[in-house]
Amino acid sequence: MNHANGLTDRALLFLLFQQRERRTATPHIHAKAAEDEAKFWLGPIQPAANYGFRPKELNGIERLVTEHQELLLEAWNEHFGRQQN
């Protein structure tokens, strides 16, 4: 277990989903590990939804999102072809 961020050793994926409303959608990412999933707004960073992560894990994911916010926003903008913060 990684005690520094509250996450276990299980794999954690950060996903960008292409949706119909992508041109008007607020930048966000989905974090997924096994059956658990959470959604975070990227600016300002805050959890939007949580399906299964324990509070300590969710806090760890939020720290990772905060640490990599610039990279995640760049990926969002590259994928969806627009600048928004």
PDB file of N, CA and C in Angstrom:
ATOM      1  N   MET A   1       0.840  -1.188   0.000  1.00  0.00           N
ATOM      2  CA  MET A   1       0.000   0.000   0.000  1.00  0.00           C
ATOM      3  C   MET A   1       0.877   1.241   0.000  1.00  0.00           C
ATOM      4  N   ASN A   2       0.477   2.203  -0.762  1.00  0.00           N
ATOM      5  CA  ASN A   2       1.174   3.483  -0.789  1.00  0.00           C
ATOM      6  C   ASN A   2       0.495   4.386   0.236  1.00  0.00           C
ATOM      7  N   HIS A   3       1.099   4.524   1.411  1.00  0.00           N
ATOM      8  CA  HIS A   3       0.494   5.304   2.486  1.00  0.00           C
ATOM      9  C   HIS A   3       0.545   6.797   2.219  1.00  0.00           C
ATOM     10  N   ALA A   4       1.442   7.241   1.381  1.00  0.00           N
ATOM     11  CA  ALA A   4       1.583   8.677   1.118  1.00  0.00           C
ATOM     12  C   ALA A   4       0.338   9.266   0.478  1.00  0.00           C
ATOM     13  N   ASN A   5      -0.300   8.528  -0.408  1.00  0.00           N
ATOM     14  CA  ASN A   5      -1.472   9.090  -1.077  1.00  0.00           C
ATOM     15  C   ASN A   5      -2.756   8.322  -0.792  1.00  0.00           C
ATOM     16  N   GLY A   6      -2.707   7.319   0.072  1.00  0.00           N
ATOM     17  CA  GLY A   6      -3.912   6.594   0.436  1.00  0.00           C
ATOM     18  C   GLY A   6      -4.358   5.555  -0.572  1.00  0.00           C
ATOM     19  N   LEU A   7      -3.576   5.329  -1.604  1.00  0.00           N
ATOM     20  CA  LEU A   7      -3.961   4.382  -2.643  1.00  0.00           C
ATOM     21  C   LEU A   7      -3.276   3.046  -2.428  1.00  0.00           C
ATOM     22  N   THR A   8      -3.972   1.993  -2.767  1.00  0.00           N
ATOM     23  CA  THR A   8      -3.384   0.668  -2.704  1.00  0.00           C
ATOM     24  C   THR A   8      -2.517   0.450  -3.937  1.00  0.00           C
ATOM     25  N   ASP A   9      -1.955  -0.716  -4.059  1.00  0.00           N
ATOM     26  CA  ASP A   9      -1.084  -1.019  -5.190  1.00  0.00           C
ATOM     27  C   ASP A   9      -1.856  -1.361  -6.458  1.00  0.00           C
ATOM     28  N   ARG A  10      -3.165  -1.281  -6.431  1.00  0.00           N
ATOM     29  CA  ARG A  10      -3.927  -1.611  -7.633  1.00  0.00           C
ATOM     30  C   ARG A  10      -3.759  -0.528  -8.692  1.00  0.00           C
ATOM     31  N   ALA A  11      -3.932  -0.917  -9.934  1.00  0.00           N
ATOM     32  CA  ALA A  11      -3.746   0.004 -11.062  1.00  0.00           C
ATOM     33  C   ALA A  11      -4.818   1.085 -11.043  1.00  0.00           C
ATOM     34  N   LEU A  12      -4.403   2.291 -11.364  1.00  0.00           N
ATOM     35  CA  LEU A  12      -5.310   3.428 -11.438  1.00  0.00           C
ATOM     36  C   LEU A  12      -5.180   4.039 -12.819  1.00  0.00           C
ATOM     37  N   LEU A  13      -6.286   4.158 -13.532  1.00  0.00           N
ATOM     38  CA  LEU A  13      -6.297   4.741 -14.866  1.00  0.00           C
ATOM     39  C   LEU A  13      -6.983   6.090 -14.822  1.00  0.00           C
ATOM     40  N   PHE A  14      -6.444   7.040 -15.599  1.00  0.00           N
ATOM     41  CA  PHE A  14      -7.103   8.315 -15.796  1.00  0.00           C
ATOM     42  C   PHE A  14      -7.621   8.328 -17.229  1.00  0.00           C
ATOM     43  N   LEU A  15      -8.911   8.593 -17.393  1.00  0.00           N
ATOM     44  CA  LEU A  15      -9.548   8.473 -18.696  1.00  0.00           C
ATOM     45  C   LEU A  15     -10.214   9.780 -19.125  1.00  0.00           C
ATOM     46  N   LEU A  16     -10.173  10.037 -20.419  1.00  0.00           N
ATOM     47  CA  LEU A  16     -10.944  11.101 -21.047  1.00  0.00           C
ATOM     48  C   LEU A  16     -11.953  10.411 -21.945  1.00  0.00           C
ATOM     49  N   PHE A  17     -13.221  10.709 -21.764  1.00  0.00           N
ATOM     50  CA  PHE A  17     -14.260  10.110 -22.595  1.00  0.00           C
ATOM     51  C   PHE A  17     -14.751  11.127 -23.604  1.00  0.00           C
ATOM     52  N   GLN A  18     -14.867  10.716 -24.843  1.00  0.00           N
ATOM     53  CA  GLN A  18     -15.436  11.585 -25.856  1.00  0.00           C
ATOM     54  C   GLN A  18     -16.947  11.469 -25.779  1.00  0.00           C
ATOM     55  N   GLN A  19     -17.590  12.596 -25.560  1.00  0.00           N
ATOM     56  CA  GLN A  19     -19.032  12.627 -25.415  1.00  0.00           C
ATOM     57  C   GLN A  19     -19.624  13.558 -26.455  1.00  0.00           C
ATOM     58  N   ARG A  20     -20.915  13.421 -26.681  1.00  0.00           N
ATOM     59  CA  ARG A  20     -21.589  14.292 -27.645  1.00  0.00           C
ATOM     60  C   ARG A  20     -21.458  15.751 -27.271  1.00  0.00           C
ATOM     61  N   GLU A  21     -21.527  16.038 -25.965  1.00  0.00           N
ATOM     62  CA  GLU A  21     -21.479  17.426 -25.527  1.00  0.00           C
ATOM     63  C   GLU A  21     -20.055  17.920 -25.280  1.00  0.00           C
ATOM     64  N   ARG A  22     -19.064  17.271 -25.850  1.00  0.00           N
ATOM     65  CA  ARG A  22     -17.670  17.594 -25.569  1.00  0.00           C
ATOM     66  C   ARG A  22     -17.310  19.053 -25.831  1.00  0.00           C
ATOM     67  N   ARG A  23     -17.966  19.693 -26.779  1.00  0.00           N
ATOM     68  CA  ARG A  23     -17.638  21.084 -27.078  1.00  0.00           C
ATOM     69  C   ARG A  23     -18.058  22.022 -25.953  1.00  0.00           C
ATOM     70  N   THR A  24     -19.031  21.623 -25.159  1.00  0.00           N
ATOM     71  CA  THR A  24     -19.485  22.468 -24.061  1.00  0.00           C
ATOM     72  C   THR A  24     -19.159  21.873 -22.696  1.00  0.00           C
ATOM     73  N   ALA A  25     -18.614  20.677 -22.671  1.00  0.00           N
ATOM     74  CA  ALA A  25     -18.318  20.016 -21.399  1.00  0.00           C
ATOM     75  C   ALA A  25     -17.182  20.723 -20.675  1.00  0.00           C
ATOM     76  N   THR A  26     -17.305  20.793 -19.364  1.00  0.00           N
ATOM     77  CA  THR A  26     -16.246  21.327 -18.523  1.00  0.00           C
ATOM     78  C   THR A  26     -15.125  20.292 -18.460  1.00  0.00           C
ATOM     79  N   PRO A  27     -13.853  20.717 -18.570  1.00  0.00           N
ATOM     80  CA  PRO A  27     -12.755  19.748 -18.520  1.00  0.00           C
ATOM     81  C   PRO A  27     -12.819  18.897 -17.240  1.00  0.00           C
ATOM     82  N   HIS A  28     -12.733  17.600 -17.444  1.00  0.00           N
ATOM     83  CA  HIS A  28     -12.776  16.664 -16.329  1.00  0.00           C
ATOM     84  C   HIS A  28     -12.097  15.361 -16.740  1.00  0.00           C
ATOM     85  N   ILE A  29     -11.791  14.553 -15.747  1.00  0.00           N
ATOM     86  CA  ILE A  29     -11.227  13.226 -15.998  1.00  0.00           C
ATOM     87  C   ILE A  29     -11.999  12.211 -15.160  1.00  0.00           C
ATOM     88  N   HIS A  30     -11.871  10.964 -15.561  1.00  0.00           N
ATOM     89  CA  HIS A  30     -12.416   9.855 -14.803  1.00  0.00           C
ATOM     90  C   HIS A  30     -11.224   9.035 -14.317  1.00  0.00           C
ATOM     91  N   ALA A  31     -11.232   8.690 -13.037  1.00  0.00           N
ATOM     92  CA  ALA A  31     -10.214   7.815 -12.464  1.00  0.00           C
ATOM     93  C   ALA A  31     -10.881   6.469 -12.228  1.00  0.00           C
ATOM     94  N   LYS A  32     -10.226   5.384 -12.647  1.00  0.00           N
ATOM     95  CA  LYS A  32     -10.835   4.062 -12.547  1.00  0.00           C
ATOM     96  C   LYS A  32      -9.821   3.062 -12.025  1.00  0.00           C
ATOM     97  N   ALA A  33     -10.278   2.239 -11.105  1.00  0.00           N
ATOM     98  CA  ALA A  33      -9.484   1.127 -10.581  1.00  0.00           C
ATOM     99  C   ALA A  33     -10.456  -0.012 -10.299  1.00  0.00           C
ATOM    100  N   ALA A  34     -10.259  -1.128 -10.977  1.00  0.00           N
ATOM    101  CA  ALA A  34     -11.157  -2.280 -10.856  1.00  0.00           C
ATOM    102  C   ALA A  34     -12.592  -1.819 -11.078  1.00  0.00           C
ATOM    103  N   GLU A  35     -13.472  -2.009 -10.114  1.00  0.00           N
ATOM    104  CA  GLU A  35     -14.874  -1.625 -10.256  1.00  0.00           C
ATOM    105  C   GLU A  35     -15.156  -0.206  -9.772  1.00  0.00           C
ATOM    106  N   ASP A  36     -14.179   0.461  -9.194  1.00  0.00           N
ATOM    107  CA  ASP A  36     -14.370   1.803  -8.638  1.00  0.00           C
ATOM    108  C   ASP A  36     -14.084   2.866  -9.691  1.00  0.00           C
ATOM    109  N   GLU A  37     -14.835   3.973  -9.627  1.00  0.00           N
ATOM    110  CA  GLU A  37     -14.637   5.062 -10.567  1.00  0.00           C
ATOM    111  C   GLU A  37     -14.980   6.381  -9.890  1.00  0.00           C
ATOM    112  N   ALA A  38     -14.245   7.413 -10.242  1.00  0.00           N
ATOM    113  CA  ALA A  38     -14.518   8.763  -9.749  1.00  0.00           C
ATOM    114  C   ALA A  38     -14.320   9.742 -10.895  1.00  0.00           C
ATOM    115  N   LYS A  39     -15.014  10.863 -10.803  1.00  0.00           N
ATOM    116  CA  LYS A  39     -14.899  11.923 -11.798  1.00  0.00           C
ATOM    117  C   LYS A  39     -14.433  13.182 -11.076  1.00  0.00           C
ATOM    118  N   PHE A  40     -13.458  13.876 -11.674  1.00  0.00           N
ATOM    119  CA  PHE A  40     -12.935  15.118 -11.110  1.00  0.00           C
ATOM    120  C   PHE A  40     -12.983  16.226 -12.140  1.00  0.00           C
ATOM    121  N   TRP A  41     -13.496  17.380 -11.721  1.00  0.00           N
ATOM    122  CA  TRP A  41     -13.373  18.587 -12.532  1.00  0.00           C
ATOM    123  C   TRP A  41     -11.918  19.015 -12.493  1.00  0.00           C
ATOM    124  N   LEU A  42     -11.411  19.563 -13.599  1.00  0.00           N
ATOM    125  CA  LEU A  42     -10.002  19.949 -13.670  1.00  0.00           C
ATOM    126  C   LEU A  42      -9.750  21.424 -13.371  1.00  0.00           C
ATOM    127  N   GLY A  43     -10.745  22.240 -13.331  1.00  0.00           N
ATOM    128  CA  GLY A  43     -10.487  23.642 -13.028  1.00  0.00           C
ATOM    129  C   GLY A  43     -11.724  24.346 -12.521  1.00  0.00           C
ATOM    130  N   PRO A  44     -11.788  24.620 -11.251  1.00  0.00           N
ATOM    131  CA  PRO A  44     -10.860  24.168 -10.212  1.00  0.00           C
ATOM    132  C   PRO A  44     -11.050  22.678  -9.928  1.00  0.00           C
ATOM    133  N   ILE A  45     -10.010  22.075  -9.400  1.00  0.00           N
ATOM    134  CA  ILE A  45     -10.052  20.633  -9.128  1.00  0.00           C
ATOM    135  C   ILE A  45     -10.993  20.375  -7.961  1.00  0.00           C
ATOM    136  N   GLN A  46     -11.952  19.502  -8.242  1.00  0.00           N
ATOM    137  CA  GLN A  46     -12.855  19.033  -7.190  1.00  0.00           C
ATOM    138  C   GLN A  46     -13.540  17.768  -7.657  1.00  0.00           C
ATOM    139  N   PRO A  47     -13.861  16.878  -6.722  1.00  0.00           N
ATOM    140  CA  PRO A  47     -14.554  15.654  -7.113  1.00  0.00           C
ATOM    141  C   PRO A  47     -15.965  15.969  -7.589  1.00  0.00           C
ATOM    142  N   ALA A  48     -16.380  15.303  -8.663  1.00  0.00           N
ATOM    143  CA  ALA A  48     -17.720  15.475  -9.204  1.00  0.00           C
ATOM    144  C   ALA A  48     -18.591  14.266  -8.887  1.00  0.00           C
ATOM    145  N   ALA A  49     -17.969  13.094  -8.796  1.00  0.00           N
ATOM    146  CA  ALA A  49     -18.712  11.864  -8.515  1.00  0.00           C
ATOM    147  C   ALA A  49     -17.745  10.814  -7.993  1.00  0.00           C
ATOM    148  N   ASN A  50     -18.266   9.911  -7.177  1.00  0.00           N
ATOM    149  CA  ASN A  50     -17.460   8.816  -6.660  1.00  0.00           C
ATOM    150  C   ASN A  50     -18.316   7.566  -6.600  1.00  0.00           C
ATOM    151  N   TYR A  51     -17.827   6.512  -7.241  1.00  0.00           N
ATOM    152  CA  TYR A  51     -18.521   5.236  -7.249  1.00  0.00           C
ATOM    153  C   TYR A  51     -17.582   4.151  -6.741  1.00  0.00           C
ATOM    154  N   GLY A  52     -17.425   4.079  -5.420  1.00  0.00           N
ATOM    155  CA  GLY A  52     -16.708   2.960  -4.822  1.00  0.00           C
ATOM    156  C   GLY A  52     -15.401   3.246  -4.130  1.00  0.00           C
ATOM    157  N   PHE A  53     -14.722   4.347  -4.434  1.00  0.00           N
ATOM    158  CA  PHE A  53     -13.463   4.629  -3.746  1.00  0.00           C
ATOM    159  C   PHE A  53     -13.730   5.005  -2.294  1.00  0.00           C
ATOM    160  N   ARG A  54     -12.874   4.523  -1.401  1.00  0.00           N
ATOM    161  CA  ARG A  54     -12.943   4.935  -0.003  1.00  0.00           C
ATOM    162  C   ARG A  54     -12.471   6.379   0.105  1.00  0.00           C
ATOM    163  N   PRO A  55     -12.895   7.111   1.134  1.00  0.00           N
ATOM    164  CA  PRO A  55     -12.498   8.517   1.281  1.00  0.00           C
ATOM    165  C   PRO A  55     -10.988   8.747   1.209  1.00  0.00           C
ATOM    166  N   LYS A  56     -10.213   7.879   1.846  1.00  0.00           N
ATOM    167  CA  LYS A  56      -8.752   8.036   1.817  1.00  0.00           C
ATOM    168  C   LYS A  56      -8.217   7.866   0.387  1.00  0.00           C
ATOM    169  N   GLU A  57      -8.769   6.922  -0.354  1.00  0.00           N
ATOM    170  CA  GLU A  57      -8.362   6.730  -1.751  1.00  0.00           C
ATOM    171  C   GLU A  57      -8.754   7.937  -2.599  1.00  0.00           C
ATOM    172  N   LEU A  58      -9.961   8.433  -2.401  1.00  0.00           N
ATOM    173  CA  LEU A  58     -10.421   9.591  -3.157  1.00  0.00           C
ATOM    174  C   LEU A  58      -9.524  10.796  -2.898  1.00  0.00           C
ATOM    175  N   ASN A  59      -9.128  10.997  -1.650  1.00  0.00           N
ATOM    176  CA  ASN A  59      -8.203  12.085  -1.328  1.00  0.00           C
ATOM    177  C   ASN A  59      -6.857  11.898  -2.028  1.00  0.00           C
ATOM    178  N   GLY A  60      -6.379  10.650  -2.101  1.00  0.00           N
ATOM    179  CA  GLY A  60      -5.124  10.367  -2.793  1.00  0.00           C
ATOM    180  C   GLY A  60      -5.221  10.645  -4.283  1.00  0.00           C
ATOM    181  N   ILE A  61      -6.353  10.287  -4.870  1.00  0.00           N
ATOM    182  CA  ILE A  61      -6.563  10.551  -6.292  1.00  0.00           C
ATOM    183  C   ILE A  61      -6.610  12.055  -6.529  1.00  0.00           C
ATOM    184  N   GLU A  62      -7.294  12.775  -5.650  1.00  0.00           N
ATOM    185  CA  GLU A  62      -7.366  14.226  -5.797  1.00  0.00           C
ATOM    186  C   GLU A  62      -5.977  14.858  -5.726  1.00  0.00           C
ATOM    187  N   ARG A  63      -5.119  14.345  -4.854  1.00  0.00           N
ATOM    188  CA  ARG A  63      -3.735  14.852  -4.796  1.00  0.00           C
ATOM    189  C   ARG A  63      -3.003  14.592  -6.104  1.00  0.00           C
ATOM    190  N   LEU A  64      -3.191  13.411  -6.690  1.00  0.00           N
ATOM    191  CA  LEU A  64      -2.558  13.101  -7.979  1.00  0.00           C
ATOM    192  C   LEU A  64      -3.086  14.009  -9.087  1.00  0.00           C
ATOM    193  N   VAL A  65      -4.382  14.232  -9.104  1.00  0.00           N
ATOM    194  CA  VAL A  65      -4.976  15.105 -10.117  1.00  0.00           C
ATOM    195  C   VAL A  65      -4.415  16.518  -9.958  1.00  0.00           C
ATOM    196  N   THR A  66      -4.320  16.985  -8.727  1.00  0.00           N
ATOM    197  CA  THR A  66      -3.760  18.317  -8.463  1.00  0.00           C
ATOM    198  C   THR A  66      -2.312  18.396  -8.928  1.00  0.00           C
ATOM    199  N   GLU A  67      -1.535  17.377  -8.608  1.00  0.00           N
ATOM    200  CA  GLU A  67      -0.120  17.344  -8.984  1.00  0.00           C
ATOM    201  C   GLU A  67       0.062  17.365 -10.500  1.00  0.00           C
ATOM    202  N   HIS A  68      -0.860  16.741 -11.222  1.00  0.00           N
ATOM    203  CA  HIS A  68      -0.733  16.608 -12.680  1.00  0.00           C
ATOM    204  C   HIS A  68      -1.786  17.409 -13.437  1.00  0.00           C
ATOM    205  N   GLN A  69      -2.356  18.424 -12.809  1.00  0.00           N
ATOM    206  CA  GLN A  69      -3.431  19.201 -13.416  1.00  0.00           C
ATOM    207  C   GLN A  69      -3.040  19.775 -14.775  1.00  0.00           C
ATOM    208  N   GLU A  70      -1.877  20.357 -14.866  1.00  0.00           N
ATOM    209  CA  GLU A  70      -1.453  20.971 -16.129  1.00  0.00           C
ATOM    210  C   GLU A  70      -1.393  19.935 -17.251  1.00  0.00           C
ATOM    211  N   LEU A  71      -0.799  18.794 -16.979  1.00  0.00           N
ATOM    212  CA  LEU A  71      -0.700  17.722 -17.971  1.00  0.00           C
ATOM    213  C   LEU A  71      -2.083  17.200 -18.356  1.00  0.00           C
ATOM    214  N   LEU A  72      -2.968  17.035 -17.385  1.00  0.00           N
ATOM    215  CA  LEU A  72      -4.312  16.544 -17.671  1.00  0.00           C
ATOM    216  C   LEU A  72      -5.104  17.548 -18.504  1.00  0.00           C
ATOM    217  N   LEU A  73      -4.960  18.835 -18.203  1.00  0.00           N
ATOM    218  CA  LEU A  73      -5.634  19.868 -19.003  1.00  0.00           C
ATOM    219  C   LEU A  73      -5.077  19.912 -20.421  1.00  0.00           C
ATOM    220  N   GLU A  74      -3.762  19.752 -20.568  1.00  0.00           N
ATOM    221  CA  GLU A  74      -3.164  19.704 -21.904  1.00  0.00           C
ATOM    222  C   GLU A  74      -3.725  18.525 -22.692  1.00  0.00           C
ATOM    223  N   ALA A  75      -3.856  17.374 -22.044  1.00  0.00           N
ATOM    224  CA  ALA A  75      -4.404  16.190 -22.713  1.00  0.00           C
ATOM    225  C   ALA A  75      -5.863  16.433 -23.103  1.00  0.00           C
ATOM    226  N   TRP A  76      -6.629  17.053 -22.208  1.00  0.00           N
ATOM    227  CA  TRP A  76      -8.032  17.386 -22.517  1.00  0.00           C
ATOM    228  C   TRP A  76      -8.100  18.281 -23.747  1.00  0.00           C
ATOM    229  N   ASN A  77      -7.314  19.353 -23.720  1.00  0.00           N
ATOM    230  CA  ASN A  77      -7.341  20.321 -24.819  1.00  0.00           C
ATOM    231  C   ASN A  77      -6.868  19.702 -26.125  1.00  0.00           C
ATOM    232  N   GLU A  78      -5.858  18.859 -26.060  1.00  0.00           N
ATOM    233  CA  GLU A  78      -5.378  18.184 -27.271  1.00  0.00           C
ATOM    234  C   GLU A  78      -6.440  17.232 -27.815  1.00  0.00           C
ATOM    235  N   HIS A  79      -7.073  16.500 -26.932  1.00  0.00           N
ATOM    236  CA  HIS A  79      -8.072  15.510 -27.351  1.00  0.00           C
ATOM    237  C   HIS A  79      -9.334  16.168 -27.897  1.00  0.00           C
ATOM    238  N   PHE A  80      -9.789  17.224 -27.235  1.00  0.00           N
ATOM    239  CA  PHE A  80     -11.039  17.866 -27.623  1.00  0.00           C
ATOM    240  C   PHE A  80     -10.841  19.114 -28.455  1.00  0.00           C
ATOM    241  N   GLY A  81      -9.583  19.524 -28.675  1.00  0.00           N
ATOM    242  CA  GLY A  81      -9.281  20.617 -29.603  1.00  0.00           C
ATOM    243  C   GLY A  81      -9.735  21.974 -29.185  1.00  0.00           C
ATOM    244  N   ARG A  82      -9.643  22.287 -27.897  1.00  0.00           N
ATOM    245  CA  ARG A  82     -10.011  23.609 -27.448  1.00  0.00           C
ATOM    246  C   ARG A  82      -9.270  23.944 -26.159  1.00  0.00           C
ATOM    247  N   GLN A  83      -9.170  25.209 -25.876  1.00  0.00           N
ATOM    248  CA  GLN A  83      -8.550  25.681 -24.648  1.00  0.00           C
ATOM    249  C   GLN A  83      -9.631  26.102 -23.678  1.00  0.00           C
ATOM    250  N   GLN A  84      -9.611  25.541 -22.485  1.00  0.00           N
ATOM    251  CA  GLN A  84     -10.569  25.945 -21.450  1.00  0.00           C
ATOM    252  C   GLN A  84      -9.964  25.598 -20.111  1.00  0.00           C
ATOM    253  N   ASN A  85     -10.068  26.494 -19.164  1.00  0.00           N
ATOM    254  CA  ASN A  85      -9.603  26.232 -17.789  1.00  0.00           C
ATOM    255  C   ASN A  85     -10.687  26.564 -16.802  1.00  0.00           C
TER     256      ASN A  85
END
